[in-house]
Amino acid sequence: QVQLVESGGGLVQAGGSLRLSCAASGIFFSWSTMGWYRQPPGKEREFVASITSGSTINYAESVKGRFTISRDNAEKTVSLQMSSLKPDDTAVYYCNTVQRWQNYWGRGTQVTVSS
Protein backbone atom coordinates (compact mmCIF):
# COMPACT_ATOMS: atom_id res chain seq x y z
CA GLN A 1 0.00 0.00 0.00
CA VAL A 2 1.01 3.61 -0.41
CA GLN A 3 2.93 5.02 2.54
CA LEU A 4 4.35 8.49 2.98
CA VAL A 5 6.42 9.22 6.08
CA GLU A 6 7.55 12.75 6.86
CA SER A 7 10.44 13.73 9.10
CA GLY A 8 12.50 16.76 9.99
CA GLY A 9 10.02 19.09 11.65
CA GLY A 10 10.74 20.96 14.84
CA LEU A 11 11.01 24.30 16.58
CA VAL A 12 13.11 27.03 14.99
CA GLN A 13 13.53 30.75 15.46
CA ALA A 14 12.40 33.21 12.82
CA GLY A 15 15.03 33.51 10.11
CA GLY A 16 16.21 29.95 10.64
CA SER A 17 16.11 26.91 8.41
CA LEU A 18 14.71 23.40 8.47
CA ARG A 19 14.78 20.50 6.04
CA LEU A 20 11.80 18.18 5.75
CA SER A 21 11.96 14.78 4.13
CA CYS A 22 9.29 12.37 2.95
CA ALA A 23 9.99 8.70 2.35
CA ALA A 24 7.59 7.03 -0.06
CA SER A 25 6.76 3.39 -0.60
CA GLY A 26 4.15 1.45 -2.51
CA ILE A 27 4.32 3.72 -5.57
CA PHE A 28 6.32 4.03 -8.77
CA PHE A 29 8.13 6.94 -7.24
CA SER A 30 10.11 8.09 -10.27
CA TRP A 31 6.85 8.41 -12.25
CA SER A 32 4.98 10.28 -9.53
CA THR A 33 4.37 13.94 -8.86
CA MET A 34 5.14 14.65 -5.22
CA GLY A 35 3.96 17.60 -3.19
CA TRP A 36 4.13 19.35 0.14
CA TYR A 37 1.13 20.95 1.79
CA ARG A 38 0.72 22.58 5.18
CA GLN A 39 -2.06 23.30 7.62
CA PRO A 40 -1.54 26.29 9.91
CA PRO A 41 -3.36 26.25 13.24
CA GLY A 42 -7.06 26.96 12.76
CA LYS A 43 -6.77 27.17 8.97
CA GLU A 44 -7.35 25.02 5.91
CA ARG A 45 -4.65 22.86 4.39
CA GLU A 46 -2.78 24.73 1.67
CA PHE A 47 -0.41 23.95 -1.16
CA VAL A 48 3.28 24.64 -0.59
CA ALA A 49 5.28 23.05 -3.42
CA SER A 50 5.27 20.22 -5.93
CA ILE A 51 7.71 18.45 -8.21
CA THR A 52 6.77 16.29 -11.19
CA SER A 53 8.49 13.19 -12.51
CA GLY A 54 10.27 15.45 -14.97
CA SER A 55 11.30 17.79 -12.13
CA THR A 56 8.94 20.60 -13.08
CA ILE A 57 8.50 22.57 -9.88
CA ASN A 58 5.76 24.81 -8.56
CA TYR A 59 5.69 26.89 -5.39
CA ALA A 60 3.06 28.81 -3.52
CA GLU A 61 3.71 32.53 -3.81
CA SER A 62 4.19 32.77 -0.06
CA VAL A 63 7.26 30.49 -0.09
CA LYS A 64 8.92 31.39 -3.40
CA GLY A 65 12.56 32.27 -2.93
CA ARG A 66 12.65 30.75 0.54
CA PHE A 67 11.71 27.08 0.08
CA THR A 68 13.27 24.53 -2.27
CA ILE A 69 11.70 21.20 -3.17
CA SER A 70 13.82 18.35 -4.50
CA ARG A 71 13.56 14.63 -5.11
CA ASP A 72 15.84 11.61 -5.01
CA ASN A 73 14.37 8.86 -7.16
CA ALA A 74 16.94 6.31 -6.04
CA GLU A 75 16.05 6.84 -2.38
CA LYS A 76 12.34 7.46 -3.10
CA THR A 77 12.38 10.64 -1.08
CA VAL A 78 11.18 14.18 -1.60
CA SER A 79 12.61 17.00 0.48
CA LEU A 80 11.66 20.54 1.33
CA GLN A 81 14.48 22.88 2.31
CA MET A 82 12.98 25.83 4.17
CA SER A 83 14.99 28.98 4.80
CA SER A 84 14.23 32.45 6.14
CA LEU A 85 11.40 30.94 8.12
CA LYS A 86 8.67 33.18 9.46
CA PRO A 87 6.15 32.67 12.27
CA ASP A 88 3.48 32.43 9.53
CA ASP A 89 5.20 29.25 8.31
CA THR A 90 4.12 27.51 11.52
CA ALA A 91 2.00 24.54 10.47
CA VAL A 92 1.78 20.80 10.17
CA TYR A 93 3.51 19.91 6.91
CA TYR A 94 2.19 17.00 4.86
CA CYS A 95 3.69 15.02 2.03
CA ASN A 96 1.29 14.23 -0.83
CA THR A 97 0.99 12.19 -3.97
CA VAL A 98 -1.88 11.38 -6.28
CA GLN A 99 -2.07 7.83 -7.50
CA ARG A 100 -4.82 6.78 -9.91
CA TRP A 101 -6.76 9.95 -9.08
CA GLN A 102 -6.62 9.27 -5.33
CA ASN A 103 -4.85 11.57 -2.90
CA TYR A 104 -2.45 10.05 -0.41
CA TRP A 105 -1.11 11.89 2.61
CA GLY A 106 1.50 11.30 5.24
CA ARG A 107 0.73 11.86 8.91
CA GLY A 108 2.47 15.20 8.88
CA THR A 109 5.33 16.82 10.74
CA GLN A 110 5.02 19.89 12.94
CA VAL A 111 7.02 22.99 12.13
CA THR A 112 6.94 25.79 14.68
CA VAL A 113 8.66 29.11 14.02
CA SER A 114 9.08 31.36 17.03
CA SER A 115 9.35 35.13 16.74
C-alpha atoms as a PDB file:
ATOM      1  CA  GLN A   1       0.000   0.000   0.000  1.00  0.00           C
ATOM      2  CA  VAL A   2       1.005   3.615  -0.409  1.00  0.00           C
ATOM      3  CA  GLN A   3       2.928   5.024   2.536  1.00  0.00           C
ATOM      4  CA  LEU A   4       4.348   8.489   2.980  1.00  0.00           C
ATOM      5  CA  VAL A   5       6.417   9.223   6.075  1.00  0.00           C
ATOM      6  CA  GLU A   6       7.545  12.755   6.860  1.00  0.00           C
ATOM      7  CA  SER A   7      10.438  13.726   9.096  1.00  0.00           C
ATOM      8  CA  GLY A   8      12.502  16.762   9.986  1.00  0.00           C
ATOM      9  CA  GLY A   9      10.023  19.090  11.653  1.00  0.00           C
ATOM     10  CA  GLY A  10      10.743  20.962  14.836  1.00  0.00           C
ATOM     11  CA  LEU A  11      11.012  24.303  16.583  1.00  0.00           C
ATOM     12  CA  VAL A  12      13.111  27.030  14.991  1.00  0.00           C
ATOM     13  CA  GLN A  13      13.534  30.751  15.458  1.00  0.00           C
ATOM     14  CA  ALA A  14      12.402  33.207  12.820  1.00  0.00           C
ATOM     15  CA  GLY A  15      15.026  33.506  10.113  1.00  0.00           C
ATOM     16  CA  GLY A  16      16.208  29.953  10.641  1.00  0.00           C
ATOM     17  CA  SER A  17      16.115  26.908   8.411  1.00  0.00           C
ATOM     18  CA  LEU A  18      14.705  23.398   8.467  1.00  0.00           C
ATOM     19  CA  ARG A  19      14.779  20.498   6.037  1.00  0.00           C
ATOM     20  CA  LEU A  20      11.802  18.185   5.752  1.00  0.00           C
ATOM     21  CA  SER A  21      11.958  14.780   4.129  1.00  0.00           C
ATOM     22  CA  CYS A  22       9.291  12.374   2.949  1.00  0.00           C
ATOM     23  CA  ALA A  23       9.992   8.702   2.346  1.00  0.00           C
ATOM     24  CA  ALA A  24       7.588   7.034  -0.059  1.00  0.00           C
ATOM     25  CA  SER A  25       6.760   3.393  -0.596  1.00  0.00           C
ATOM     26  CA  GLY A  26       4.146   1.454  -2.511  1.00  0.00           C
ATOM     27  CA  ILE A  27       4.324   3.722  -5.572  1.00  0.00           C
ATOM     28  CA  PHE A  28       6.323   4.029  -8.773  1.00  0.00           C
ATOM     29  CA  PHE A  29       8.133   6.942  -7.244  1.00  0.00           C
ATOM     30  CA  SER A  30      10.109   8.090 -10.274  1.00  0.00           C
ATOM     31  CA  TRP A  31       6.855   8.406 -12.253  1.00  0.00           C
ATOM     32  CA  SER A  32       4.983  10.283  -9.531  1.00  0.00           C
ATOM     33  CA  THR A  33       4.371  13.936  -8.858  1.00  0.00           C
ATOM     34  CA  MET A  34       5.142  14.650  -5.216  1.00  0.00           C
ATOM     35  CA  GLY A  35       3.962  17.601  -3.189  1.00  0.00           C
ATOM     36  CA  TRP A  36       4.127  19.355   0.139  1.00  0.00           C
ATOM     37  CA  TYR A  37       1.132  20.948   1.795  1.00  0.00           C
ATOM     38  CA  ARG A  38       0.720  22.578   5.178  1.00  0.00           C
ATOM     39  CA  GLN A  39      -2.065  23.303   7.617  1.00  0.00           C
ATOM     40  CA  PRO A  40      -1.544  26.288   9.907  1.00  0.00           C
ATOM     41  CA  PRO A  41      -3.364  26.245  13.236  1.00  0.00           C
ATOM     42  CA  GLY A  42      -7.058  26.957  12.758  1.00  0.00           C
ATOM     43  CA  LYS A  43      -6.767  27.165   8.966  1.00  0.00           C
ATOM     44  CA  GLU A  44      -7.345  25.015   5.912  1.00  0.00           C
ATOM     45  CA  ARG A  45      -4.646  22.862   4.394  1.00  0.00           C
ATOM     46  CA  GLU A  46      -2.784  24.732   1.667  1.00  0.00           C
ATOM     47  CA  PHE A  47      -0.409  23.949  -1.162  1.00  0.00           C
ATOM     48  CA  VAL A  48       3.283  24.641  -0.592  1.00  0.00           C
ATOM     49  CA  ALA A  49       5.285  23.053  -3.420  1.00  0.00           C
ATOM     50  CA  SER A  50       5.272  20.225  -5.935  1.00  0.00           C
ATOM     51  CA  ILE A  51       7.708  18.452  -8.214  1.00  0.00           C
ATOM     52  CA  THR A  52       6.772  16.294 -11.190  1.00  0.00           C
ATOM     53  CA  SER A  53       8.488  13.187 -12.515  1.00  0.00           C
ATOM     54  CA  GLY A  54      10.270  15.455 -14.975  1.00  0.00           C
ATOM     55  CA  SER A  55      11.299  17.787 -12.128  1.00  0.00           C
ATOM     56  CA  THR A  56       8.945  20.604 -13.083  1.00  0.00           C
ATOM     57  CA  ILE A  57       8.500  22.573  -9.880  1.00  0.00           C
ATOM     58  CA  ASN A  58       5.762  24.814  -8.561  1.00  0.00           C
ATOM     59  CA  TYR A  59       5.690  26.888  -5.390  1.00  0.00           C
ATOM     60  CA  ALA A  60       3.061  28.806  -3.523  1.00  0.00           C
ATOM     61  CA  GLU A  61       3.711  32.526  -3.806  1.00  0.00           C
ATOM     62  CA  SER A  62       4.187  32.767  -0.058  1.00  0.00           C
ATOM     63  CA  VAL A  63       7.255  30.485  -0.093  1.00  0.00           C
ATOM     64  CA  LYS A  64       8.922  31.386  -3.396  1.00  0.00           C
ATOM     65  CA  GLY A  65      12.556  32.265  -2.930  1.00  0.00           C
ATOM     66  CA  ARG A  66      12.647  30.745   0.544  1.00  0.00           C
ATOM     67  CA  PHE A  67      11.712  27.077   0.081  1.00  0.00           C
ATOM     68  CA  THR A  68      13.270  24.533  -2.272  1.00  0.00           C
ATOM     69  CA  ILE A  69      11.704  21.197  -3.168  1.00  0.00           C
ATOM     70  CA  SER A  70      13.823  18.349  -4.504  1.00  0.00           C
ATOM     71  CA  ARG A  71      13.557  14.626  -5.108  1.00  0.00           C
ATOM     72  CA  ASP A  72      15.838  11.613  -5.009  1.00  0.00           C
ATOM     73  CA  ASN A  73      14.375   8.864  -7.162  1.00  0.00           C
ATOM     74  CA  ALA A  74      16.945   6.310  -6.041  1.00  0.00           C
ATOM     75  CA  GLU A  75      16.046   6.843  -2.384  1.00  0.00           C
ATOM     76  CA  LYS A  76      12.336   7.464  -3.097  1.00  0.00           C
ATOM     77  CA  THR A  77      12.380  10.642  -1.080  1.00  0.00           C
ATOM     78  CA  VAL A  78      11.183  14.179  -1.599  1.00  0.00           C
ATOM     79  CA  SER A  79      12.611  16.996   0.478  1.00  0.00           C
ATOM     80  CA  LEU A  80      11.662  20.544   1.328  1.00  0.00           C
ATOM     81  CA  GLN A  81      14.478  22.880   2.309  1.00  0.00           C
ATOM     82  CA  MET A  82      12.978  25.828   4.171  1.00  0.00           C
ATOM     83  CA  SER A  83      14.986  28.981   4.799  1.00  0.00           C
ATOM     84  CA  SER A  84      14.231  32.446   6.140  1.00  0.00           C
ATOM     85  CA  LEU A  85      11.405  30.938   8.121  1.00  0.00           C
ATOM     86  CA  LYS A  86       8.674  33.185   9.458  1.00  0.00           C
ATOM     87  CA  PRO A  87       6.147  32.674  12.265  1.00  0.00           C
ATOM     88  CA  ASP A  88       3.480  32.435   9.527  1.00  0.00           C
ATOM     89  CA  ASP A  89       5.196  29.253   8.312  1.00  0.00           C
ATOM     90  CA  THR A  90       4.120  27.512  11.523  1.00  0.00           C
ATOM     91  CA  ALA A  91       2.005  24.538  10.475  1.00  0.00           C
ATOM     92  CA  VAL A  92       1.777  20.803  10.166  1.00  0.00           C
ATOM     93  CA  TYR A  93       3.509  19.908   6.910  1.00  0.00           C
ATOM     94  CA  TYR A  94       2.187  17.001   4.864  1.00  0.00           C
ATOM     95  CA  CYS A  95       3.688  15.018   2.027  1.00  0.00           C
ATOM     96  CA  ASN A  96       1.295  14.234  -0.826  1.00  0.00           C
ATOM     97  CA  THR A  97       0.989  12.190  -3.965  1.00  0.00           C
ATOM     98  CA  VAL A  98      -1.882  11.380  -6.280  1.00  0.00           C
ATOM     99  CA  GLN A  99      -2.067   7.827  -7.503  1.00  0.00           C
ATOM    100  CA  ARG A 100      -4.816   6.780  -9.907  1.00  0.00           C
ATOM    101  CA  TRP A 101      -6.761   9.953  -9.083  1.00  0.00           C
ATOM    102  CA  GLN A 102      -6.618   9.268  -5.329  1.00  0.00           C
ATOM    103  CA  ASN A 103      -4.853  11.569  -2.895  1.00  0.00           C
ATOM    104  CA  TYR A 104      -2.450  10.054  -0.410  1.00  0.00           C
ATOM    105  CA  TRP A 105      -1.109  11.886   2.610  1.00  0.00           C
ATOM    106  CA  GLY A 106       1.504  11.305   5.243  1.00  0.00           C
ATOM    107  CA  ARG A 107       0.726  11.858   8.912  1.00  0.00           C
ATOM    108  CA  GLY A 108       2.470  15.200   8.882  1.00  0.00           C
ATOM    109  CA  THR A 109       5.325  16.819  10.744  1.00  0.00           C
ATOM    110  CA  GLN A 110       5.016  19.889  12.942  1.00  0.00           C
ATOM    111  CA  VAL A 111       7.023  22.988  12.132  1.00  0.00           C
ATOM    112  CA  THR A 112       6.937  25.792  14.681  1.00  0.00           C
ATOM    113  CA  VAL A 113       8.660  29.107  14.020  1.00  0.00           C
ATOM    114  CA  SER A 114       9.076  31.357  17.028  1.00  0.00           C
ATOM    115  CA  SER A 115       9.351  35.131  16.736  1.00  0.00           C
END
